[in-house]
């Protein structure tokens, strides 16, 4: 149980610091949101694919429909990264985080 709580805490810290990190990178390093989003996904993707492979024991992407769905979700994740980081640059961390968190219930059925 302690391992689960530690993993949840690490995930919360990682998620909670993305906006502030992007704001610092934009201010001090003139980092582009596209570059930051790409690097973030390039680092995370192998870990996520490995976890999916281990948890499903090789029975994933069984057909063309699964492959298309996975690619579509990957593109949506990439677009979210770029748009969120751009919003942080335009509006600030607080406004971008508030809209990201509070708009989800409005968009769900």
N, C-alpha and C. Protein backbone atom coordinates (compact mmCIF):
# COMPACT_ATOMS: atom_id res chain seq x y z
N UNK A 1 0.82 -1.20 0.00
CA UNK A 1 0.00 0.00 0.00
C UNK A 1 0.86 1.26 0.00
N UNK A 2 1.97 1.21 0.70
CA UNK A 2 2.86 2.37 0.75
C UNK A 2 3.41 2.69 -0.64
N UNK A 3 3.71 1.66 -1.43
CA UNK A 3 4.22 1.88 -2.78
C UNK A 3 3.20 2.63 -3.63
N UNK A 4 1.94 2.26 -3.51
CA UNK A 4 0.89 2.94 -4.25
C UNK A 4 0.76 4.39 -3.87
N UNK A 5 0.84 4.68 -2.57
CA UNK A 5 0.75 6.06 -2.12
C UNK A 5 1.95 6.88 -2.60
N UNK A 6 3.11 6.29 -2.60
CA UNK A 6 4.30 7.00 -3.10
C UNK A 6 4.16 7.28 -4.59
N UNK A 7 3.68 6.31 -5.35
CA UNK A 7 3.49 6.52 -6.79
C UNK A 7 2.45 7.59 -7.07
N UNK A 8 1.38 7.62 -6.29
CA UNK A 8 0.35 8.65 -6.46
C UNK A 8 0.93 10.03 -6.13
N UNK A 9 1.72 10.09 -5.07
CA UNK A 9 2.33 11.37 -4.70
C UNK A 9 3.29 11.85 -5.78
N UNK A 10 4.09 10.95 -6.33
CA UNK A 10 5.01 11.32 -7.41
C UNK A 10 4.26 11.79 -8.65
N UNK A 11 3.15 11.12 -8.97
CA UNK A 11 2.35 11.53 -10.12
C UNK A 11 1.75 12.92 -9.89
N UNK A 12 1.27 13.17 -8.68
CA UNK A 12 0.68 14.48 -8.37
C UNK A 12 1.73 15.58 -8.45
N UNK A 13 2.91 15.30 -7.94
CA UNK A 13 3.99 16.30 -8.00
C UNK A 13 4.39 16.55 -9.45
N UNK A 14 4.51 15.49 -10.23
CA UNK A 14 4.88 15.64 -11.64
C UNK A 14 3.83 16.44 -12.40
N UNK A 15 2.56 16.14 -12.17
CA UNK A 15 1.50 16.85 -12.87
C UNK A 15 1.41 18.29 -12.40
N UNK A 16 1.58 18.51 -11.11
CA UNK A 16 1.41 19.84 -10.56
C UNK A 16 2.51 20.82 -10.91
N UNK A 17 3.65 20.33 -11.33
CA UNK A 17 4.77 21.23 -11.62
C UNK A 17 4.97 21.51 -13.10
N UNK A 18 4.15 20.92 -13.97
CA UNK A 18 4.37 21.11 -15.41
C UNK A 18 4.17 22.55 -15.85
N UNK A 19 3.13 23.20 -15.35
CA UNK A 19 2.88 24.58 -15.75
C UNK A 19 3.97 25.53 -15.29
N UNK A 20 4.39 25.37 -14.04
CA UNK A 20 5.46 26.23 -13.51
C UNK A 20 6.77 25.98 -14.24
N UNK A 21 7.04 24.73 -14.56
CA UNK A 21 8.26 24.40 -15.29
C UNK A 21 8.25 25.04 -16.67
N UNK A 22 7.10 24.98 -17.34
CA UNK A 22 7.00 25.59 -18.67
C UNK A 22 7.16 27.10 -18.59
N UNK A 23 6.59 27.71 -17.56
CA UNK A 23 6.73 29.16 -17.41
C UNK A 23 8.19 29.54 -17.21
N UNK A 24 8.91 28.77 -16.40
CA UNK A 24 10.33 29.05 -16.20
C UNK A 24 11.14 28.83 -17.47
N UNK A 25 10.85 27.74 -18.18
CA UNK A 25 11.57 27.48 -19.43
C UNK A 25 11.31 28.56 -20.47
N UNK A 26 10.09 29.02 -20.54
CA UNK A 26 9.77 30.08 -21.51
C UNK A 26 10.45 31.39 -21.15
N UNK A 27 10.51 31.67 -19.87
CA UNK A 27 11.10 32.94 -19.42
C UNK A 27 12.62 32.93 -19.50
N UNK A 28 13.23 31.87 -19.04
CA UNK A 28 14.69 31.87 -18.91
C UNK A 28 15.42 31.23 -20.08
N UNK A 29 14.79 30.28 -20.76
CA UNK A 29 15.48 29.58 -21.85
C UNK A 29 14.83 29.82 -23.20
N UNK A 30 13.78 30.60 -23.24
CA UNK A 30 13.03 30.86 -24.48
C UNK A 30 12.63 29.57 -25.17
N UNK A 31 12.15 28.60 -24.37
CA UNK A 31 11.75 27.30 -24.91
C UNK A 31 10.39 27.40 -25.58
N UNK A 32 10.26 26.77 -26.72
CA UNK A 32 9.01 26.74 -27.47
C UNK A 32 8.11 25.65 -26.89
N UNK A 33 6.79 25.87 -26.79
CA UNK A 33 5.89 24.84 -26.28
C UNK A 33 5.94 23.55 -27.07
N UNK A 34 6.15 23.64 -28.38
CA UNK A 34 6.23 22.43 -29.21
C UNK A 34 7.43 21.58 -28.80
N UNK A 35 8.56 22.21 -28.56
CA UNK A 35 9.75 21.49 -28.15
C UNK A 35 9.58 20.84 -26.78
N UNK A 36 9.03 21.58 -25.83
CA UNK A 36 8.84 21.04 -24.48
C UNK A 36 7.85 19.88 -24.50
N UNK A 37 6.76 20.04 -25.23
CA UNK A 37 5.79 18.95 -25.33
C UNK A 37 6.37 17.72 -26.00
N UNK A 38 7.17 17.92 -27.05
CA UNK A 38 7.80 16.79 -27.73
C UNK A 38 8.76 16.04 -26.81
N UNK A 39 9.59 16.79 -26.11
CA UNK A 39 10.56 16.15 -25.21
C UNK A 39 9.84 15.40 -24.09
N UNK A 40 8.80 16.00 -23.57
CA UNK A 40 8.05 15.35 -22.49
C UNK A 40 7.44 14.03 -22.97
N UNK A 41 6.85 14.04 -24.14
CA UNK A 41 6.26 12.80 -24.66
C UNK A 41 7.32 11.81 -25.12
N UNK A 42 8.42 12.29 -25.65
CA UNK A 42 9.49 11.39 -26.09
C UNK A 42 10.10 10.64 -24.91
N UNK A 43 10.16 11.28 -23.77
CA UNK A 43 10.68 10.61 -22.57
C UNK A 43 9.63 9.66 -21.99
N UNK A 44 8.37 10.08 -21.97
CA UNK A 44 7.32 9.28 -21.33
C UNK A 44 6.84 8.11 -22.18
N UNK A 45 6.83 8.24 -23.48
CA UNK A 45 6.25 7.22 -24.36
C UNK A 45 6.87 5.83 -24.18
N UNK A 46 8.19 5.70 -24.15
CA UNK A 46 8.74 4.35 -23.95
C UNK A 46 8.32 3.71 -22.63
N UNK A 47 8.22 4.50 -21.58
CA UNK A 47 7.79 3.95 -20.29
C UNK A 47 6.33 3.53 -20.34
N UNK A 48 5.49 4.35 -20.97
CA UNK A 48 4.07 4.00 -21.07
C UNK A 48 3.85 2.78 -21.95
N UNK A 49 4.58 2.69 -23.05
CA UNK A 49 4.46 1.51 -23.91
C UNK A 49 4.95 0.25 -23.20
N UNK A 50 6.03 0.38 -22.45
CA UNK A 50 6.54 -0.76 -21.68
C UNK A 50 5.54 -1.21 -20.62
N UNK A 51 4.94 -0.26 -19.92
CA UNK A 51 3.94 -0.61 -18.90
C UNK A 51 2.72 -1.26 -19.55
N UNK A 52 2.30 -0.77 -20.70
CA UNK A 52 1.16 -1.37 -21.40
C UNK A 52 1.50 -2.78 -21.86
N UNK A 53 2.71 -2.98 -22.34
CA UNK A 53 3.12 -4.30 -22.81
C UNK A 53 3.15 -5.30 -21.66
N UNK A 54 3.69 -4.90 -20.52
CA UNK A 54 3.78 -5.79 -19.37
C UNK A 54 2.39 -6.09 -18.80
N UNK A 55 1.55 -5.07 -18.70
CA UNK A 55 0.23 -5.27 -18.10
C UNK A 55 -0.70 -6.09 -18.99
N UNK A 56 -0.52 -6.03 -20.28
CA UNK A 56 -1.39 -6.79 -21.19
C UNK A 56 -0.76 -8.08 -21.68
N UNK A 57 0.48 -8.30 -21.33
CA UNK A 57 1.21 -9.51 -21.69
C UNK A 57 1.19 -9.79 -23.20
N UNK A 58 1.36 -8.73 -23.98
CA UNK A 58 1.49 -8.88 -25.42
C UNK A 58 0.20 -9.00 -26.19
N UNK A 59 -0.96 -8.84 -25.54
CA UNK A 59 -2.22 -9.02 -26.25
C UNK A 59 -2.87 -7.70 -26.66
N UNK A 60 -2.09 -6.68 -26.86
CA UNK A 60 -2.63 -5.38 -27.20
C UNK A 60 -2.47 -5.10 -28.68
N UNK A 61 -3.17 -4.13 -29.16
CA UNK A 61 -3.21 -3.78 -30.58
C UNK A 61 -3.49 -5.01 -31.44
N UNK A 62 -4.62 -5.62 -31.18
CA UNK A 62 -4.95 -6.86 -31.86
C UNK A 62 -5.47 -6.66 -33.27
N UNK A 63 -5.87 -5.46 -33.61
CA UNK A 63 -6.37 -5.25 -34.95
C UNK A 63 -6.13 -3.82 -35.42
N UNK A 64 -6.60 -3.55 -36.63
CA UNK A 64 -6.41 -2.22 -37.21
C UNK A 64 -7.17 -1.16 -36.41
N UNK A 65 -8.33 -1.53 -35.88
CA UNK A 65 -9.12 -0.57 -35.10
C UNK A 65 -8.37 -0.15 -33.84
N UNK A 66 -7.72 -1.11 -33.16
CA UNK A 66 -6.95 -0.79 -31.97
C UNK A 66 -5.76 0.10 -32.30
N UNK A 67 -5.12 -0.16 -33.41
CA UNK A 67 -3.97 0.64 -33.82
C UNK A 67 -4.38 2.07 -34.13
N UNK A 68 -5.49 2.23 -34.85
CA UNK A 68 -5.98 3.57 -35.17
C UNK A 68 -6.39 4.31 -33.90
N UNK A 69 -7.06 3.62 -32.99
CA UNK A 69 -7.47 4.24 -31.74
C UNK A 69 -6.26 4.68 -30.92
N UNK A 70 -5.24 3.85 -30.86
CA UNK A 70 -4.03 4.19 -30.11
C UNK A 70 -3.30 5.38 -30.73
N UNK A 71 -3.20 5.40 -32.03
CA UNK A 71 -2.55 6.53 -32.70
C UNK A 71 -3.34 7.83 -32.53
N UNK A 72 -4.66 7.73 -32.57
CA UNK A 72 -5.51 8.90 -32.36
C UNK A 72 -5.34 9.44 -30.95
N UNK A 73 -5.31 8.55 -29.95
CA UNK A 73 -5.12 9.00 -28.57
C UNK A 73 -3.73 9.59 -28.37
N UNK A 74 -2.73 9.03 -29.02
CA UNK A 74 -1.38 9.59 -28.94
C UNK A 74 -1.31 10.99 -29.53
N UNK A 75 -1.97 11.19 -30.66
CA UNK A 75 -2.00 12.53 -31.27
C UNK A 75 -2.75 13.51 -30.38
N UNK A 76 -3.83 13.06 -29.74
CA UNK A 76 -4.57 13.93 -28.82
C UNK A 76 -3.71 14.32 -27.62
N UNK A 77 -2.93 13.38 -27.09
CA UNK A 77 -2.03 13.69 -25.97
C UNK A 77 -0.96 14.70 -26.39
N UNK A 78 -0.43 14.52 -27.59
CA UNK A 78 0.59 15.45 -28.09
C UNK A 78 0.01 16.85 -28.28
N UNK A 79 -1.19 16.92 -28.83
CA UNK A 79 -1.83 18.22 -29.03
C UNK A 79 -2.12 18.90 -27.69
N UNK A 80 -2.55 18.13 -26.70
CA UNK A 80 -2.82 18.70 -25.39
C UNK A 80 -1.56 19.33 -24.80
N UNK A 81 -0.44 18.63 -24.92
CA UNK A 81 0.82 19.16 -24.39
C UNK A 81 1.14 20.51 -25.00
N UNK A 82 1.10 20.58 -26.30
CA UNK A 82 1.45 21.82 -26.99
C UNK A 82 0.47 22.94 -26.64
N UNK A 83 -0.82 22.66 -26.67
CA UNK A 83 -1.81 23.69 -26.39
C UNK A 83 -1.75 24.15 -24.93
N UNK A 84 -1.54 23.23 -24.00
CA UNK A 84 -1.46 23.61 -22.60
C UNK A 84 -0.23 24.48 -22.35
N UNK A 85 0.91 24.06 -22.87
CA UNK A 85 2.12 24.85 -22.66
C UNK A 85 2.03 26.21 -23.34
N UNK A 86 1.38 26.29 -24.46
CA UNK A 86 1.18 27.59 -25.12
C UNK A 86 0.25 28.47 -24.28
N UNK A 87 -0.78 27.86 -23.70
CA UNK A 87 -1.69 28.61 -22.84
C UNK A 87 -0.97 29.13 -21.61
N UNK A 88 -0.05 28.36 -21.07
CA UNK A 88 0.74 28.82 -19.92
C UNK A 88 1.54 30.06 -20.31
N UNK A 89 2.11 30.05 -21.50
CA UNK A 89 2.89 31.21 -21.94
C UNK A 89 2.00 32.44 -22.16
N UNK A 90 0.78 32.23 -22.67
CA UNK A 90 -0.10 33.36 -22.98
C UNK A 90 -0.85 33.91 -21.77
N UNK A 91 -1.31 33.01 -20.88
CA UNK A 91 -2.19 33.45 -19.79
C UNK A 91 -1.58 33.33 -18.41
N UNK A 92 -0.52 32.56 -18.27
CA UNK A 92 0.06 32.31 -16.95
C UNK A 92 -0.34 30.95 -16.43
N UNK A 93 0.37 30.51 -15.43
CA UNK A 93 0.17 29.17 -14.89
C UNK A 93 -1.20 29.01 -14.25
N UNK A 94 -1.62 29.98 -13.45
CA UNK A 94 -2.86 29.86 -12.70
C UNK A 94 -4.08 29.74 -13.61
N UNK A 95 -4.18 30.59 -14.59
CA UNK A 95 -5.34 30.57 -15.49
C UNK A 95 -5.35 29.30 -16.34
N UNK A 96 -4.19 28.91 -16.86
CA UNK A 96 -4.12 27.70 -17.68
C UNK A 96 -4.48 26.46 -16.87
N UNK A 97 -3.97 26.36 -15.65
CA UNK A 97 -4.28 25.21 -14.80
C UNK A 97 -5.76 25.20 -14.42
N UNK A 98 -6.31 26.35 -14.09
CA UNK A 98 -7.72 26.44 -13.74
C UNK A 98 -8.61 25.99 -14.89
N UNK A 99 -8.31 26.44 -16.09
CA UNK A 99 -9.12 26.03 -17.24
C UNK A 99 -8.93 24.55 -17.56
N UNK A 100 -7.72 24.05 -17.42
CA UNK A 100 -7.48 22.62 -17.69
C UNK A 100 -8.23 21.74 -16.71
N UNK A 101 -8.27 22.15 -15.45
CA UNK A 101 -8.93 21.33 -14.44
C UNK A 101 -10.45 21.49 -14.50
N UNK A 102 -10.91 22.71 -14.60
CA UNK A 102 -12.35 22.98 -14.48
C UNK A 102 -13.14 22.78 -15.76
N UNK A 103 -12.48 22.73 -16.90
CA UNK A 103 -13.23 22.57 -18.15
C UNK A 103 -13.58 21.12 -18.44
N UNK A 104 -12.90 20.17 -17.82
CA UNK A 104 -13.17 18.76 -18.09
C UNK A 104 -14.61 18.35 -17.75
N UNK A 105 -15.16 18.74 -16.60
CA UNK A 105 -16.56 18.36 -16.35
C UNK A 105 -17.54 18.97 -17.32
N UNK A 106 -17.21 20.13 -17.87
CA UNK A 106 -18.10 20.78 -18.82
C UNK A 106 -18.12 20.07 -20.17
N UNK A 107 -17.00 19.42 -20.51
CA UNK A 107 -16.88 18.77 -21.81
C UNK A 107 -17.33 17.31 -21.80
N UNK A 108 -17.49 16.74 -20.62
CA UNK A 108 -17.89 15.33 -20.56
C UNK A 108 -19.41 15.22 -20.60
N UNK A 109 -19.89 14.12 -21.18
CA UNK A 109 -21.35 13.97 -21.31
C UNK A 109 -22.04 13.72 -20.00
